[in-house]
Amino acid sequence: MSSGPSKRERLEAGLTEHLGRRLSARTLLFHQAVAGNLGLNPTDLKCLDLARSESEMTAGRLAKLTGLSTAAMTSVIDRLEKSGLVRRERAASDRRKVFVRPLPERAAEVSRLFEPLDQAMHRLFNEYSVDDLELIRKFAIKLADVLEAETMKLGKKRSSQQGHR
């Protein structure tokens, strides 16, 4: 006689539902709203975020991280540049390499759009102990790594499928 799913299986299923579907959908919709306030789309906003995360971010690395083609990334950077959020800078050592440099003039505007969320997150964090927060932080880092790896796999799969057409 089967006793049904174990507590762990039920928890994993619940986490998959909440993190993999509900939270990701709400996160995407939030970023869509922020992007709309900046006259962008969510992909452009996330590329801006990635460009802000590394001091030497190249257009090629952005394409690799996002799984976008180089042509699509060129369009993203064109839109970000037109919006006054980034500028292109050619590397002195290799003129083919293009760095994507976020412009500080609009950084405060972008940050202001995230302030209410930051405040709400702080209130949420206050509900947890330091040990809980450390565990959540470690989990979030590992989850981001999993998502990055899976994004790369899907990008490679798409590239190989397009190569066979």
Foldseek 3Di string as FASTA:
>chain_A
DDPDDDPVVVVVVVCCCVVVPVVVVVVLVLLQVLQVVLVHGSLLVVLLVVLVVDVFAWLVVSCLQQLHDSVVSVVSLVVCVVSQQWDWDADPVHRVTIRTGGDPVCVVVSVVSCVVVVVVVVVVCVVDDPVVVVVVVVVVVVVVVVVSVVSNVVSVVVVVVVVVD
